[in-house]
Structures are given as C-alpha cells and as structure tokens.
Amino acid sequence: MKEIKAFVHRNRIADVIHALRDAGFGDLSVVDVLGMLRALDPREARYSTELGERVTAEVKLELVCEDGRVEEAVRLIRENARTGQHPAGWIYVYDVAAAHPIDGDGE
C-alpha cells in the first residue's frame, strides 16, 4: 500500500476530491494547512508572525491506496489541481508499512 500526500490550492480541492471519489478512491483525508505555494489571489496569502514568512492557505490531501493504483491517483490529482502556475502544488508518495483497523469492540 501507498500513502499519497498532495498539497494543493484550496480552490482546486473540490475538483480533486470529486475526481478521486468518482474513480473509486475512498480513504481520503483533507486538512487545511499554511504553506509556501505562491498565492493565486492576494486573499490567499498572509504574513505569519510565528514563521516570519508569507504563507498561503493550502489544503493537504491524504490518500491511501493499493500500489497498482498510485499512478492513476497521481494523474487525477495533477489533472484536477492545476491552476495555470508552476508549481501549482506537490504530490508525495510514501510506502505504508502496515494498516490496522480500529475496531469498535475493543478486542
């Protein structure tokens, strides 16, 4: 199994999620983050006094999938997260050593 993490502009995440869900990808998490992507709009960016840098509102998408579907997932993310600027975000792929369900019965 692989974990895919993608950092994309907030205004593109809905299209990315819909494309992945339509293709049958299910284990998705979405988290609002502050990053260093170049802002598409001045309202996306702000100065962080904690970091001492200009930051942009971004979204981190996390997806777990089978090894054989990684290329498809990466393609869908790239196609649907495009903004017209370079780079429009980043996609990282990691190996998952193990995955364990959290059961409700405690056994």
N, C-alpha and C. Protein backbone atom coordinates (compact mmCIF):
# COMPACT_ATOMS: atom_id res chain seq x y z
N MET A 1 0.83 -1.18 0.00
CA MET A 1 0.00 0.00 0.00
C MET A 1 0.88 1.24 0.00
N LYS A 2 0.28 2.33 -0.48
CA LYS A 2 0.97 3.62 -0.54
C LYS A 2 0.09 4.70 0.09
N GLU A 3 0.75 5.70 0.64
CA GLU A 3 0.07 6.90 1.08
C GLU A 3 0.50 8.02 0.15
N ILE A 4 -0.47 8.74 -0.35
CA ILE A 4 -0.20 9.88 -1.21
C ILE A 4 -0.59 11.13 -0.44
N LYS A 5 0.32 12.09 -0.38
CA LYS A 5 0.04 13.39 0.22
C LYS A 5 0.18 14.42 -0.89
N ALA A 6 -0.84 15.24 -1.04
CA ALA A 6 -0.80 16.28 -2.06
C ALA A 6 -1.12 17.61 -1.42
N PHE A 7 -0.33 18.61 -1.73
CA PHE A 7 -0.55 19.96 -1.25
C PHE A 7 -1.04 20.79 -2.43
N VAL A 8 -2.29 21.25 -2.36
CA VAL A 8 -2.91 21.95 -3.48
C VAL A 8 -3.58 23.24 -2.99
N HIS A 9 -3.87 24.10 -3.93
CA HIS A 9 -4.60 25.32 -3.61
C HIS A 9 -6.02 24.97 -3.19
N ARG A 10 -6.50 25.71 -2.22
CA ARG A 10 -7.83 25.44 -1.64
C ARG A 10 -8.93 25.47 -2.70
N ASN A 11 -8.83 26.35 -3.69
CA ASN A 11 -9.90 26.45 -4.67
C ASN A 11 -9.92 25.29 -5.68
N ARG A 12 -8.97 24.38 -5.60
CA ARG A 12 -8.92 23.24 -6.52
C ARG A 12 -9.29 21.92 -5.83
N ILE A 13 -9.39 21.90 -4.51
CA ILE A 13 -9.55 20.64 -3.79
C ILE A 13 -10.87 19.95 -4.08
N ALA A 14 -11.95 20.67 -4.27
CA ALA A 14 -13.25 20.03 -4.54
C ALA A 14 -13.19 19.20 -5.82
N ASP A 15 -12.59 19.75 -6.87
CA ASP A 15 -12.48 19.00 -8.13
C ASP A 15 -11.61 17.77 -7.96
N VAL A 16 -10.53 17.90 -7.19
CA VAL A 16 -9.65 16.76 -6.94
C VAL A 16 -10.41 15.66 -6.21
N ILE A 17 -11.12 16.02 -5.17
CA ILE A 17 -11.87 15.02 -4.38
C ILE A 17 -12.92 14.34 -5.23
N HIS A 18 -13.67 15.11 -6.02
CA HIS A 18 -14.71 14.51 -6.86
C HIS A 18 -14.11 13.52 -7.87
N ALA A 19 -13.00 13.89 -8.47
CA ALA A 19 -12.35 13.01 -9.45
C ALA A 19 -11.89 11.71 -8.79
N LEU A 20 -11.28 11.82 -7.62
CA LEU A 20 -10.81 10.62 -6.91
C LEU A 20 -11.98 9.75 -6.48
N ARG A 21 -13.02 10.35 -5.91
CA ARG A 21 -14.19 9.56 -5.47
C ARG A 21 -14.87 8.89 -6.66
N ASP A 22 -15.00 9.60 -7.78
CA ASP A 22 -15.61 9.02 -8.98
C ASP A 22 -14.82 7.83 -9.50
N ALA A 23 -13.51 7.83 -9.27
CA ALA A 23 -12.64 6.73 -9.71
C ALA A 23 -12.59 5.61 -8.68
N GLY A 24 -13.29 5.75 -7.56
CA GLY A 24 -13.36 4.69 -6.57
C GLY A 24 -12.36 4.77 -5.43
N PHE A 25 -11.64 5.89 -5.32
CA PHE A 25 -10.72 6.06 -4.20
C PHE A 25 -11.52 6.51 -2.99
N GLY A 26 -11.28 5.86 -1.84
CA GLY A 26 -12.11 6.16 -0.69
C GLY A 26 -11.41 6.66 0.54
N ASP A 27 -10.25 6.19 0.86
CA ASP A 27 -9.59 6.55 2.11
C ASP A 27 -8.92 7.92 1.99
N LEU A 28 -9.73 8.98 2.08
CA LEU A 28 -9.25 10.34 1.89
C LEU A 28 -9.34 11.13 3.19
N SER A 29 -8.36 11.98 3.42
CA SER A 29 -8.42 12.97 4.49
C SER A 29 -8.03 14.31 3.88
N VAL A 30 -8.65 15.36 4.36
CA VAL A 30 -8.36 16.71 3.87
C VAL A 30 -8.13 17.62 5.07
N VAL A 31 -7.01 18.34 5.05
CA VAL A 31 -6.63 19.19 6.17
C VAL A 31 -6.23 20.56 5.63
N ASP A 32 -6.78 21.63 6.24
CA ASP A 32 -6.33 22.97 5.90
C ASP A 32 -4.96 23.20 6.51
N VAL A 33 -4.04 23.72 5.71
CA VAL A 33 -2.68 23.99 6.17
C VAL A 33 -2.22 25.35 5.65
N LEU A 34 -1.13 25.85 6.21
CA LEU A 34 -0.45 27.02 5.69
C LEU A 34 0.83 26.55 5.04
N GLY A 35 1.08 27.02 3.83
CA GLY A 35 2.26 26.57 3.11
C GLY A 35 2.93 27.72 2.39
N MET A 36 3.85 27.37 1.51
CA MET A 36 4.65 28.37 0.83
C MET A 36 4.35 28.45 -0.67
N LEU A 37 3.24 27.85 -1.14
CA LEU A 37 2.88 27.99 -2.54
C LEU A 37 2.64 29.46 -2.85
N ARG A 38 2.92 29.84 -4.08
CA ARG A 38 2.64 31.21 -4.49
C ARG A 38 1.12 31.40 -4.55
N ALA A 39 0.62 32.44 -3.92
CA ALA A 39 -0.82 32.68 -3.87
C ALA A 39 -1.37 33.00 -5.26
N LEU A 40 -2.56 32.46 -5.54
CA LEU A 40 -3.25 32.77 -6.79
C LEU A 40 -3.97 34.11 -6.68
N ASP A 41 -4.34 34.44 -5.45
CA ASP A 41 -5.12 35.64 -5.18
C ASP A 41 -4.56 36.24 -3.89
N PRO A 42 -4.48 37.55 -3.79
CA PRO A 42 -3.94 38.16 -2.57
C PRO A 42 -4.67 37.74 -1.29
N ARG A 43 -5.94 37.36 -1.39
CA ARG A 43 -6.69 36.93 -0.21
C ARG A 43 -6.21 35.59 0.32
N GLU A 44 -5.51 34.81 -0.51
CA GLU A 44 -4.97 33.52 -0.07
C GLU A 44 -3.75 33.67 0.83
N ALA A 45 -3.03 34.75 0.67
CA ALA A 45 -1.74 34.92 1.36
C ALA A 45 -1.87 35.84 2.56
N ARG A 46 -1.01 35.59 3.52
CA ARG A 46 -0.89 36.47 4.68
C ARG A 46 0.52 36.32 5.22
N TYR A 47 0.89 37.26 6.05
CA TYR A 47 2.20 37.19 6.70
C TYR A 47 2.03 36.51 8.04
N SER A 48 2.81 35.46 8.28
CA SER A 48 2.77 34.75 9.55
C SER A 48 3.86 35.31 10.46
N THR A 49 3.43 35.92 11.55
CA THR A 49 4.42 36.44 12.50
C THR A 49 5.13 35.30 13.22
N GLU A 50 4.45 34.15 13.37
CA GLU A 50 5.08 32.98 14.02
C GLU A 50 6.23 32.43 13.17
N LEU A 51 6.02 32.41 11.86
CA LEU A 51 7.04 31.85 10.96
C LEU A 51 7.97 32.91 10.39
N GLY A 52 7.55 34.16 10.43
CA GLY A 52 8.36 35.22 9.86
C GLY A 52 8.41 35.14 8.35
N GLU A 53 7.36 34.61 7.74
CA GLU A 53 7.30 34.41 6.29
C GLU A 53 5.89 34.67 5.79
N ARG A 54 5.78 34.90 4.52
CA ARG A 54 4.49 34.99 3.86
C ARG A 54 4.01 33.55 3.64
N VAL A 55 2.75 33.27 3.98
CA VAL A 55 2.20 31.93 3.83
C VAL A 55 0.91 31.99 3.01
N THR A 56 0.56 30.84 2.46
CA THR A 56 -0.63 30.72 1.63
C THR A 56 -1.54 29.65 2.22
N ALA A 57 -2.84 29.91 2.20
CA ALA A 57 -3.81 28.91 2.62
C ALA A 57 -3.82 27.80 1.58
N GLU A 58 -3.50 26.58 2.01
CA GLU A 58 -3.46 25.42 1.13
C GLU A 58 -4.28 24.31 1.77
N VAL A 59 -4.40 23.21 1.02
CA VAL A 59 -5.05 22.01 1.53
C VAL A 59 -4.10 20.84 1.36
N LYS A 60 -4.00 20.01 2.42
CA LYS A 60 -3.23 18.78 2.31
C LYS A 60 -4.24 17.64 2.17
N LEU A 61 -4.14 16.92 1.07
CA LEU A 61 -4.96 15.75 0.81
C LEU A 61 -4.13 14.53 1.13
N GLU A 62 -4.68 13.61 1.91
CA GLU A 62 -4.00 12.34 2.19
C GLU A 62 -4.88 11.22 1.68
N LEU A 63 -4.28 10.29 0.97
CA LEU A 63 -4.99 9.19 0.34
C LEU A 63 -4.17 7.92 0.51
N VAL A 64 -4.81 6.84 0.91
CA VAL A 64 -4.16 5.53 0.99
C VAL A 64 -4.76 4.66 -0.10
N CYS A 65 -3.89 4.00 -0.88
CA CYS A 65 -4.38 3.15 -1.96
C CYS A 65 -3.42 1.99 -2.22
N GLU A 66 -3.88 1.06 -3.02
CA GLU A 66 -3.05 -0.07 -3.43
C GLU A 66 -1.93 0.41 -4.35
N ASP A 67 -0.81 -0.30 -4.32
CA ASP A 67 0.35 0.08 -5.14
C ASP A 67 -0.01 0.26 -6.61
N GLY A 68 -0.85 -0.62 -7.13
CA GLY A 68 -1.20 -0.61 -8.54
C GLY A 68 -2.08 0.56 -8.97
N ARG A 69 -2.56 1.35 -8.02
CA ARG A 69 -3.43 2.49 -8.36
C ARG A 69 -2.77 3.83 -8.12
N VAL A 70 -1.49 3.82 -7.74
CA VAL A 70 -0.79 5.07 -7.44
C VAL A 70 -0.73 5.98 -8.65
N GLU A 71 -0.32 5.46 -9.79
CA GLU A 71 -0.20 6.29 -10.99
C GLU A 71 -1.53 6.93 -11.37
N GLU A 72 -2.63 6.17 -11.25
CA GLU A 72 -3.96 6.70 -11.55
C GLU A 72 -4.31 7.84 -10.59
N ALA A 73 -4.07 7.64 -9.31
CA ALA A 73 -4.38 8.68 -8.32
C ALA A 73 -3.55 9.93 -8.56
N VAL A 74 -2.27 9.77 -8.82
CA VAL A 74 -1.39 10.91 -9.08
C VAL A 74 -1.85 11.65 -10.33
N ARG A 75 -2.23 10.92 -11.36
CA ARG A 75 -2.72 11.55 -12.60
C ARG A 75 -3.98 12.37 -12.33
N LEU A 76 -4.93 11.79 -11.59
CA LEU A 76 -6.17 12.50 -11.29
C LEU A 76 -5.92 13.76 -10.46
N ILE A 77 -5.02 13.67 -9.49
CA ILE A 77 -4.69 14.84 -8.68
C ILE A 77 -4.06 15.92 -9.56
N ARG A 78 -3.10 15.53 -10.38
CA ARG A 78 -2.40 16.51 -11.23
C ARG A 78 -3.36 17.18 -12.21
N GLU A 79 -4.24 16.39 -12.82
CA GLU A 79 -5.17 16.95 -13.80
C GLU A 79 -6.16 17.92 -13.15
N ASN A 80 -6.59 17.62 -11.94
CA ASN A 80 -7.65 18.40 -11.31
C ASN A 80 -7.15 19.49 -10.36
N ALA A 81 -5.88 19.50 -10.04
CA ALA A 81 -5.32 20.52 -9.14
C ALA A 81 -4.61 21.64 -9.89
N ARG A 82 -4.58 21.56 -11.20
CA ARG A 82 -3.87 22.58 -11.98
C ARG A 82 -4.49 23.96 -11.77
N THR A 83 -3.60 24.96 -11.75
CA THR A 83 -4.05 26.34 -11.57
C THR A 83 -3.56 27.26 -12.69
N GLY A 84 -2.63 26.77 -13.51
CA GLY A 84 -2.04 27.61 -14.54
C GLY A 84 -0.69 28.19 -14.14
N GLN A 85 -0.31 28.02 -12.90
CA GLN A 85 1.01 28.49 -12.47
C GLN A 85 1.89 27.27 -12.19
N HIS A 86 3.20 27.52 -12.16
CA HIS A 86 4.15 26.44 -11.90
C HIS A 86 4.99 26.80 -10.69
N PRO A 87 5.08 25.97 -9.69
CA PRO A 87 4.25 24.78 -9.49
C PRO A 87 2.91 25.15 -8.85
N ALA A 88 1.91 24.32 -9.10
CA ALA A 88 0.57 24.54 -8.53
C ALA A 88 0.39 23.70 -7.27
N GLY A 89 1.42 23.02 -6.83
CA GLY A 89 1.37 22.19 -5.64
C GLY A 89 2.35 21.04 -5.77
N TRP A 90 2.28 20.13 -4.82
CA TRP A 90 3.21 19.00 -4.79
C TRP A 90 2.49 17.73 -4.39
N ILE A 91 2.96 16.61 -4.93
CA ILE A 91 2.42 15.29 -4.59
C ILE A 91 3.59 14.43 -4.13
N TYR A 92 3.40 13.78 -2.98
CA TYR A 92 4.43 12.89 -2.42
C TYR A 92 3.81 11.52 -2.24
N VAL A 93 4.60 10.47 -2.49
CA VAL A 93 4.13 9.09 -2.34
C VAL A 93 5.04 8.38 -1.35
N TYR A 94 4.41 7.71 -0.36
CA TYR A 94 5.13 7.01 0.70
C TYR A 94 4.69 5.55 0.77
N ASP A 95 5.60 4.70 1.19
CA ASP A 95 5.24 3.31 1.48
C ASP A 95 4.50 3.24 2.81
N VAL A 96 3.48 2.40 2.88
CA VAL A 96 2.76 2.15 4.13
C VAL A 96 3.22 0.79 4.64
N ALA A 97 3.86 0.77 5.78
CA ALA A 97 4.40 -0.47 6.34
C ALA A 97 3.29 -1.38 6.84
N ALA A 98 2.23 -0.80 7.38
CA ALA A 98 1.12 -1.61 7.91
C ALA A 98 -0.11 -0.71 8.03
N ALA A 99 -1.28 -1.34 8.00
CA ALA A 99 -2.54 -0.63 8.20
C ALA A 99 -3.41 -1.49 9.09
N HIS A 100 -3.89 -0.93 10.19
CA HIS A 100 -4.69 -1.69 11.15
C HIS A 100 -6.00 -0.97 11.40
N PRO A 101 -7.12 -1.69 11.28
CA PRO A 101 -8.41 -1.05 11.57
C PRO A 101 -8.55 -0.79 13.07
N ILE A 102 -9.32 0.22 13.38
CA ILE A 102 -9.67 0.47 14.77
C ILE A 102 -11.05 -0.13 14.95
N ASP A 103 -11.12 -1.19 15.73
CA ASP A 103 -12.39 -1.90 15.94
C ASP A 103 -13.18 -1.27 17.07
N GLY A 104 -14.49 -1.38 16.96
CA GLY A 104 -15.36 -0.82 17.98
C GLY A 104 -15.57 -1.73 19.17
N ASP A 105 -15.19 -3.02 19.04
CA ASP A 105 -15.47 -3.95 20.14
C ASP A 105 -14.34 -4.06 21.15
N GLY A 106 -13.18 -3.45 20.89
CA GLY A 106 -12.08 -3.44 21.85
C GLY A 106 -11.30 -4.72 21.96
N GLU A 107 -11.54 -5.68 21.11
CA GLU A 107 -10.80 -6.95 21.20
C GLU A 107 -9.75 -7.05 20.14
